[in-house]
């Protein structure tokens, strides 16, 4: 298994949980893969905010899965 395969599988599993349960965390993949992604932002991200224009749904979904936190949209 390659790193790319594990990352893609992690995104698939987390998207499934996000759509069906509403959870943005999955312990196994968060510890294995996404802890490293989250560390790129300092490792202490609790919430993200986006503003000024709507963000595409697939991008928003990916960011929630990759950074393991809720993302709040504010615009208007």
PDB file of N, CA and C in Angstrom:
ATOM      1  N   UNK A   1       0.847  -1.189   0.000  1.00  0.00           N
ATOM      2  CA  UNK A   1       0.000   0.000   0.000  1.00  0.00           C
ATOM      3  C   UNK A   1       0.887   1.245   0.000  1.00  0.00           C
ATOM      4  N   UNK A   2       0.551   2.165  -0.849  1.00  0.00           N
ATOM      5  CA  UNK A   2       1.326   3.402  -0.927  1.00  0.00           C
ATOM      6  C   UNK A   2       0.723   4.461   0.004  1.00  0.00           C
ATOM      7  N   UNK A   3       1.493   5.487   0.249  1.00  0.00           N
ATOM      8  CA  UNK A   3       1.020   6.596   1.079  1.00  0.00           C
ATOM      9  C   UNK A   3      -0.181   7.266   0.436  1.00  0.00           C
ATOM     10  N   UNK A   4      -0.150   7.393  -0.884  1.00  0.00           N
ATOM     11  CA  UNK A   4      -1.265   8.019  -1.611  1.00  0.00           C
ATOM     12  C   UNK A   4      -2.547   7.218  -1.430  1.00  0.00           C
ATOM     13  N   UNK A   5      -2.454   5.885  -1.494  1.00  0.00           N
ATOM     14  CA  UNK A   5      -3.622   5.035  -1.336  1.00  0.00           C
ATOM     15  C   UNK A   5      -4.207   5.200   0.065  1.00  0.00           C
ATOM     16  N   UNK A   6      -3.334   5.201   1.074  1.00  0.00           N
ATOM     17  CA  UNK A   6      -3.796   5.351   2.465  1.00  0.00           C
ATOM     18  C   UNK A   6      -4.467   6.711   2.653  1.00  0.00           C
ATOM     19  N   UNK A   7      -3.879   7.773   2.094  1.00  0.00           N
ATOM     20  CA  UNK A   7      -4.476   9.109   2.192  1.00  0.00           C
ATOM     21  C   UNK A   7      -5.848   9.133   1.532  1.00  0.00           C
ATOM     22  N   UNK A   8      -5.947   8.611   0.310  1.00  0.00           N
ATOM     23  CA  UNK A   8      -7.229   8.598  -0.414  1.00  0.00           C
ATOM     24  C   UNK A   8      -8.270   7.764   0.324  1.00  0.00           C
ATOM     25  N   UNK A   9      -7.871   6.640   0.877  1.00  0.00           N
ATOM     26  CA  UNK A   9      -8.799   5.803   1.640  1.00  0.00           C
ATOM     27  C   UNK A   9      -9.283   6.538   2.890  1.00  0.00           C
ATOM     28  N   UNK A  10      -8.366   7.242   3.543  1.00  0.00           N
ATOM     29  CA  UNK A  10      -8.736   8.036   4.711  1.00  0.00           C
ATOM     30  C   UNK A  10      -9.763   9.102   4.370  1.00  0.00           C
ATOM     31  N   UNK A  11      -9.568   9.786   3.252  1.00  0.00           N
ATOM     32  CA  UNK A  11     -10.537  10.807   2.803  1.00  0.00           C
ATOM     33  C   UNK A  11     -11.885  10.153   2.530  1.00  0.00           C
ATOM     34  N   UNK A  12     -11.892   8.996   1.861  1.00  0.00           N
ATOM     35  CA  UNK A  12     -13.155   8.299   1.562  1.00  0.00           C
ATOM     36  C   UNK A  12     -13.899   7.933   2.843  1.00  0.00           C
ATOM     37  N   UNK A  13     -13.192   7.352   3.795  1.00  0.00           N
ATOM     38  CA  UNK A  13     -13.819   6.923   5.054  1.00  0.00           C
ATOM     39  C   UNK A  13     -14.355   8.137   5.808  1.00  0.00           C
ATOM     40  N   UNK A  14     -13.558   9.200   5.885  1.00  0.00           N
ATOM     41  CA  UNK A  14     -13.991  10.378   6.624  1.00  0.00           C
ATOM     42  C   UNK A  14     -15.155  11.084   5.941  1.00  0.00           C
ATOM     43  N   UNK A  15     -15.188  11.103   4.610  1.00  0.00           N
ATOM     44  CA  UNK A  15     -16.337  11.680   3.890  1.00  0.00           C
ATOM     45  C   UNK A  15     -17.601  10.881   4.190  1.00  0.00           C
ATOM     46  N   UNK A  16     -17.479   9.556   4.219  1.00  0.00           N
ATOM     47  CA  UNK A  16     -18.620   8.705   4.549  1.00  0.00           C
ATOM     48  C   UNK A  16     -19.160   9.056   5.930  1.00  0.00           C
ATOM     49  N   UNK A  17     -18.271   9.149   6.922  1.00  0.00           N
ATOM     50  CA  UNK A  17     -18.691   9.472   8.284  1.00  0.00           C
ATOM     51  C   UNK A  17     -19.263  10.881   8.369  1.00  0.00           C
ATOM     52  N   UNK A  18     -18.690  11.814   7.629  1.00  0.00           N
ATOM     53  CA  UNK A  18     -19.192  13.184   7.631  1.00  0.00           C
ATOM     54  C   UNK A  18     -20.609  13.250   7.081  1.00  0.00           C
ATOM     55  N   UNK A  19     -20.861  12.546   5.984  1.00  0.00           N
ATOM     56  CA  UNK A  19     -22.185  12.555   5.356  1.00  0.00           C
ATOM     57  C   UNK A  19     -23.229  11.800   6.168  1.00  0.00           C
ATOM     58  N   UNK A  20     -22.849  10.684   6.777  1.00  0.00           N
ATOM     59  CA  UNK A  20     -23.824   9.819   7.442  1.00  0.00           C
ATOM     60  C   UNK A  20     -23.955  10.036   8.940  1.00  0.00           C
ATOM     61  N   UNK A  21     -22.889  10.486   9.583  1.00  0.00           N
ATOM     62  CA  UNK A  21     -22.917  10.651  11.036  1.00  0.00           C
ATOM     63  C   UNK A  21     -22.730  12.108  11.435  1.00  0.00           C
ATOM     64  N   UNK A  22     -22.025  12.857  10.606  1.00  0.00           N
ATOM     65  CA  UNK A  22     -21.753  14.255  10.916  1.00  0.00           C
ATOM     66  C   UNK A  22     -20.444  14.461  11.658  1.00  0.00           C
ATOM     67  N   UNK A  23     -19.683  13.389  11.829  1.00  0.00           N
ATOM     68  CA  UNK A  23     -18.408  13.475  12.552  1.00  0.00           C
ATOM     69  C   UNK A  23     -17.274  13.816  11.590  1.00  0.00           C
ATOM     70  N   UNK A  24     -16.368  14.685  12.028  1.00  0.00           N
ATOM     71  CA  UNK A  24     -15.212  15.028  11.204  1.00  0.00           C
ATOM     72  C   UNK A  24     -13.953  14.333  11.693  1.00  0.00           C
ATOM     73  N   UNK A  25     -14.085  13.454  12.662  1.00  0.00           N
ATOM     74  CA  UNK A  25     -12.929  12.767  13.220  1.00  0.00           C
ATOM     75  C   UNK A  25     -13.067  11.257  13.071  1.00  0.00           C
ATOM     76  N   UNK A  26     -11.956  10.615  12.790  1.00  0.00           N
ATOM     77  CA  UNK A  26     -11.857   9.174  12.748  1.00  0.00           C
ATOM     78  C   UNK A  26     -10.504   8.835  13.354  1.00  0.00           C
ATOM     79  N   UNK A  27     -10.502   8.251  14.533  1.00  0.00           N
ATOM     80  CA  UNK A  27      -9.275   8.082  15.318  1.00  0.00           C
ATOM     81  C   UNK A  27      -8.158   7.417  14.518  1.00  0.00           C
ATOM     82  N   UNK A  28      -8.481   6.324  13.844  1.00  0.00           N
ATOM     83  CA  UNK A  28      -7.451   5.560  13.137  1.00  0.00           C
ATOM     84  C   UNK A  28      -6.760   6.401  12.064  1.00  0.00           C
ATOM     85  N   UNK A  29      -7.534   7.022  11.183  1.00  0.00           N
ATOM     86  CA  UNK A  29      -6.942   7.804  10.102  1.00  0.00           C
ATOM     87  C   UNK A  29      -6.393   9.143  10.593  1.00  0.00           C
ATOM     88  N   UNK A  30      -6.988   9.702  11.620  1.00  0.00           N
ATOM     89  CA  UNK A  30      -6.458  10.956  12.170  1.00  0.00           C
ATOM     90  C   UNK A  30      -5.054  10.741  12.728  1.00  0.00           C
ATOM     91  N   UNK A  31      -4.839   9.640  13.428  1.00  0.00           N
ATOM     92  CA  UNK A  31      -3.520   9.362  13.997  1.00  0.00           C
ATOM     93  C   UNK A  31      -2.516   8.936  12.932  1.00  0.00           C
ATOM     94  N   UNK A  32      -2.978   8.201  11.935  1.00  0.00           N
ATOM     95  CA  UNK A  32      -2.089   7.657  10.917  1.00  0.00           C
ATOM     96  C   UNK A  32      -1.692   8.683   9.860  1.00  0.00           C
ATOM     97  N   UNK A  33      -2.656   9.481   9.403  1.00  0.00           N
ATOM     98  CA  UNK A  33      -2.419  10.359   8.260  1.00  0.00           C
ATOM     99  C   UNK A  33      -2.644  11.834   8.568  1.00  0.00           C
ATOM    100  N   UNK A  34      -3.813  12.156   9.075  1.00  0.00           N
ATOM    101  CA  UNK A  34      -4.230  13.562   9.126  1.00  0.00           C
ATOM    102  C   UNK A  34      -3.599  14.359  10.261  1.00  0.00           C
ATOM    103  N   UNK A  35      -2.979  13.676  11.212  1.00  0.00           N
ATOM    104  CA  UNK A  35      -2.232  14.382  12.253  1.00  0.00           C
ATOM    105  C   UNK A  35      -1.083  15.170  11.609  1.00  0.00           C
ATOM    106  N   UNK A  36      -0.487  14.597  10.578  1.00  0.00           N
ATOM    107  CA  UNK A  36       0.614  15.254   9.867  1.00  0.00           C
ATOM    108  C   UNK A  36       0.110  16.454   9.059  1.00  0.00           C
ATOM    109  N   UNK A  37      -1.058  16.316   8.480  1.00  0.00           N
ATOM    110  CA  UNK A  37      -1.649  17.419   7.721  1.00  0.00           C
ATOM    111  C   UNK A  37      -2.006  18.564   8.657  1.00  0.00           C
ATOM    112  N   UNK A  38      -2.627  18.219   9.785  1.00  0.00           N
ATOM    113  CA  UNK A  38      -3.021  19.216  10.767  1.00  0.00           C
ATOM    114  C   UNK A  38      -1.798  19.917  11.374  1.00  0.00           C
ATOM    115  N   UNK A  39      -0.701  19.183  11.522  1.00  0.00           N
ATOM    116  CA  UNK A  39       0.526  19.751  12.074  1.00  0.00           C
ATOM    117  C   UNK A  39       1.094  20.851  11.181  1.00  0.00           C
ATOM    118  N   UNK A  40       0.802  20.804   9.904  1.00  0.00           N
ATOM    119  CA  UNK A  40       1.262  21.846   8.976  1.00  0.00           C
ATOM    120  C   UNK A  40       0.675  23.212   9.321  1.00  0.00           C
ATOM    121  N   UNK A  41      -0.456  23.214  10.027  1.00  0.00           N
ATOM    122  CA  UNK A  41      -1.091  24.469  10.459  1.00  0.00           C
ATOM    123  C   UNK A  41      -0.789  24.777  11.915  1.00  0.00           C
ATOM    124  N   UNK A  42       0.135  24.057  12.506  1.00  0.00           N
ATOM    125  CA  UNK A  42       0.497  24.295  13.892  1.00  0.00           C
ATOM    126  C   UNK A  42       0.000  23.220  14.835  1.00  0.00           C
ATOM    127  N   UNK A  43      -0.927  22.372  14.392  1.00  0.00           N
ATOM    128  CA  UNK A  43      -1.408  21.258  15.192  1.00  0.00           C
ATOM    129  C   UNK A  43      -2.485  21.573  16.201  1.00  0.00           C
ATOM    130  N   UNK A  44      -2.859  22.831  16.348  1.00  0.00           N
ATOM    131  CA  UNK A  44      -3.841  23.206  17.375  1.00  0.00           C
ATOM    132  C   UNK A  44      -5.114  23.788  16.785  1.00  0.00           C
ATOM    133  N   UNK A  45      -5.416  23.472  15.559  1.00  0.00           N
ATOM    134  CA  UNK A  45      -6.603  24.009  14.891  1.00  0.00           C
ATOM    135  C   UNK A  45      -7.854  23.412  15.521  1.00  0.00           C
ATOM    136  N   UNK A  46      -8.774  24.260  15.956  1.00  0.00           N
ATOM    137  CA  UNK A  46     -10.037  23.803  16.553  1.00  0.00           C
ATOM    138  C   UNK A  46     -11.226  24.102  15.638  1.00  0.00           C
ATOM    139  N   UNK A  47     -11.148  25.193  14.897  1.00  0.00           N
ATOM    140  CA  UNK A  47     -12.208  25.589  13.971  1.00  0.00           C
ATOM    141  C   UNK A  47     -11.578  26.476  12.899  1.00  0.00           C
ATOM    142  N   UNK A  48     -12.148  26.436  11.699  1.00  0.00           N
ATOM    143  CA  UNK A  48     -11.690  27.298  10.612  1.00  0.00           C
ATOM    144  C   UNK A  48     -12.871  28.130  10.151  1.00  0.00           C
ATOM    145  N   UNK A  49     -12.586  29.329   9.684  1.00  0.00           N
ATOM    146  CA  UNK A  49     -13.628  30.237   9.204  1.00  0.00           C
ATOM    147  C   UNK A  49     -13.282  30.668   7.784  1.00  0.00           C
ATOM    148  N   UNK A  50     -14.261  30.617   6.914  1.00  0.00           N
ATOM    149  CA  UNK A  50     -14.098  31.115   5.561  1.00  0.00           C
ATOM    150  C   UNK A  50     -15.155  32.190   5.337  1.00  0.00           C
ATOM    151  N   UNK A  51     -14.790  33.226   4.613  1.00  0.00           N
ATOM    152  CA  UNK A  51     -15.721  34.341   4.432  1.00  0.00           C
ATOM    153  C   UNK A  51     -15.552  34.972   3.059  1.00  0.00           C
ATOM    154  N   UNK A  52     -16.428  35.872   2.736  1.00  0.00           N
ATOM    155  CA  UNK A  52     -16.503  36.727   1.548  1.00  0.00           C
ATOM    156  C   UNK A  52     -17.190  36.077   0.366  1.00  0.00           C
ATOM    157  N   UNK A  53     -17.175  34.766   0.241  1.00  0.00           N
ATOM    158  CA  UNK A  53     -17.881  34.101  -0.857  1.00  0.00           C
ATOM    159  C   UNK A  53     -18.110  32.640  -0.477  1.00  0.00           C
ATOM    160  N   UNK A  54     -19.147  32.030  -1.036  1.00  0.00           N
ATOM    161  CA  UNK A  54     -19.385  30.616  -0.740  1.00  0.00           C
ATOM    162  C   UNK A  54     -18.225  29.757  -1.269  1.00  0.00           C
ATOM    163  N   UNK A  55     -17.886  28.740  -0.535  1.00  0.00           N
ATOM    164  CA  UNK A  55     -16.825  27.817  -0.950  1.00  0.00           C
ATOM    165  C   UNK A  55     -17.494  26.585  -1.565  1.00  0.00           C
ATOM    166  N   UNK A  56     -16.875  26.009  -2.565  1.00  0.00           N
ATOM    167  CA  UNK A  56     -17.444  24.837  -3.238  1.00  0.00           C
ATOM    168  C   UNK A  56     -17.634  23.698  -2.240  1.00  0.00           C
ATOM    169  N   UNK A  57     -18.716  22.969  -2.374  1.00  0.00           N
ATOM    170  CA  UNK A  57     -19.053  21.900  -1.443  1.00  0.00           C
ATOM    171  C   UNK A  57     -17.994  20.820  -1.338  1.00  0.00           C
ATOM    172  N   UNK A  58     -17.427  20.415  -2.478  1.00  0.00           N
ATOM    173  CA  UNK A  58     -16.413  19.362  -2.437  1.00  0.00           C
ATOM    174  C   UNK A  58     -15.123  19.845  -1.770  1.00  0.00           C
ATOM    175  N   UNK A  59     -14.779  21.119  -1.940  1.00  0.00           N
ATOM    176  CA  UNK A  59     -13.600  21.682  -1.284  1.00  0.00           C
ATOM    177  C   UNK A  59     -13.831  21.768   0.217  1.00  0.00           C
ATOM    178  N   UNK A  60     -15.000  22.218   0.611  1.00  0.00           N
ATOM    179  CA  UNK A  60     -15.353  22.317   2.024  1.00  0.00           C
ATOM    180  C   UNK A  60     -15.312  20.946   2.696  1.00  0.00           C
ATOM    181  N   UNK A  61     -15.850  19.952   2.025  1.00  0.00           N
ATOM    182  CA  UNK A  61     -15.855  18.586   2.538  1.00  0.00           C
ATOM    183  C   UNK A  61     -14.418  18.061   2.709  1.00  0.00           C
ATOM    184  N   UNK A  62     -13.567  18.303   1.717  1.00  0.00           N
ATOM    185  CA  UNK A  62     -12.174  17.861   1.782  1.00  0.00           C
ATOM    186  C   UNK A  62     -11.442  18.529   2.949  1.00  0.00           C
ATOM    187  N   UNK A  63     -11.624  19.829   3.112  1.00  0.00           N
ATOM    188  CA  UNK A  63     -10.947  20.555   4.179  1.00  0.00           C
ATOM    189  C   UNK A  63     -11.377  20.066   5.557  1.00  0.00           C
ATOM    190  N   UNK A  64     -12.670  19.799   5.725  1.00  0.00           N
ATOM    191  CA  UNK A  64     -13.154  19.267   6.999  1.00  0.00           C
ATOM    192  C   UNK A  64     -12.494  17.932   7.312  1.00  0.00           C
ATOM    193  N   UNK A  65     -12.373  17.091   6.302  1.00  0.00           N
ATOM    194  CA  UNK A  65     -11.765  15.775   6.501  1.00  0.00           C
ATOM    195  C   UNK A  65     -10.263  15.880   6.742  1.00  0.00           C
ATOM    196  N   UNK A  66      -9.586  16.698   5.969  1.00  0.00           N
ATOM    197  CA  UNK A  66      -8.128  16.780   6.064  1.00  0.00           C
ATOM    198  C   UNK A  66      -7.655  17.463   7.339  1.00  0.00           C
ATOM    199  N   UNK A  67      -8.355  18.512   7.785  1.00  0.00           N
ATOM    200  CA  UNK A  67      -7.905  19.255   8.953  1.00  0.00           C
ATOM    201  C   UNK A  67      -8.620  18.860  10.240  1.00  0.00           C
ATOM    202  N   UNK A  68      -9.554  17.907  10.160  1.00  0.00           N
ATOM    203  CA  UNK A  68     -10.210  17.326  11.338  1.00  0.00           C
ATOM    204  C   UNK A  68     -10.883  18.374  12.219  1.00  0.00           C
ATOM    205  N   UNK A  69     -11.528  19.352  11.606  1.00  0.00           N
ATOM    206  CA  UNK A  69     -12.204  20.377  12.390  1.00  0.00           C
ATOM    207  C   UNK A  69     -13.396  20.922  11.610  1.00  0.00           C
ATOM    208  N   UNK A  70     -14.360  21.511  12.317  1.00  0.00           N
ATOM    209  CA  UNK A  70     -15.485  22.135  11.625  1.00  0.00           C
ATOM    210  C   UNK A  70     -15.030  23.404  10.912  1.00  0.00           C
ATOM    211  N   UNK A  71     -15.683  23.707   9.816  1.00  0.00           N
ATOM    212  CA  UNK A  71     -15.393  24.920   9.062  1.00  0.00           C
ATOM    213  C   UNK A  71     -16.680  25.729   8.972  1.00  0.00           C
ATOM    214  N   UNK A  72     -16.612  26.968   9.415  1.00  0.00           N
ATOM    215  CA  UNK A  72     -17.768  27.850   9.465  1.00  0.00           C
ATOM    216  C   UNK A  72     -17.690  28.812   8.283  1.00  0.00           C
ATOM    217  N   UNK A  73     -18.794  28.921   7.558  1.00  0.00           N
ATOM    218  CA  UNK A  73     -18.848  29.874   6.442  1.00  0.00           C
ATOM    219  C   UNK A  73     -19.567  31.133   6.899  1.00  0.00           C
ATOM    220  N   UNK A  74     -18.951  32.265   6.642  1.00  0.00           N
ATOM    221  CA  UNK A  74     -19.575  33.544   6.958  1.00  0.00           C
ATOM    222  C   UNK A  74     -19.468  34.486   5.785  1.00  0.00           C
ATOM    223  N   UNK A  75     -20.583  34.877   5.244  1.00  0.00           N
ATOM    224  CA  UNK A  75     -20.590  35.832   4.142  1.00  0.00           C
ATOM    225  C   UNK A  75     -21.960  36.479   4.071  1.00  0.00           C
ATOM    226  N   UNK A  76     -21.992  37.579   3.376  1.00  0.00           N
ATOM    227  CA  UNK A  76     -23.291  38.217   3.189  1.00  0.00           C
ATOM    228  C   UNK A  76     -23.313  39.661   3.569  1.00  0.00           C
TER     229      UNK A  76
END
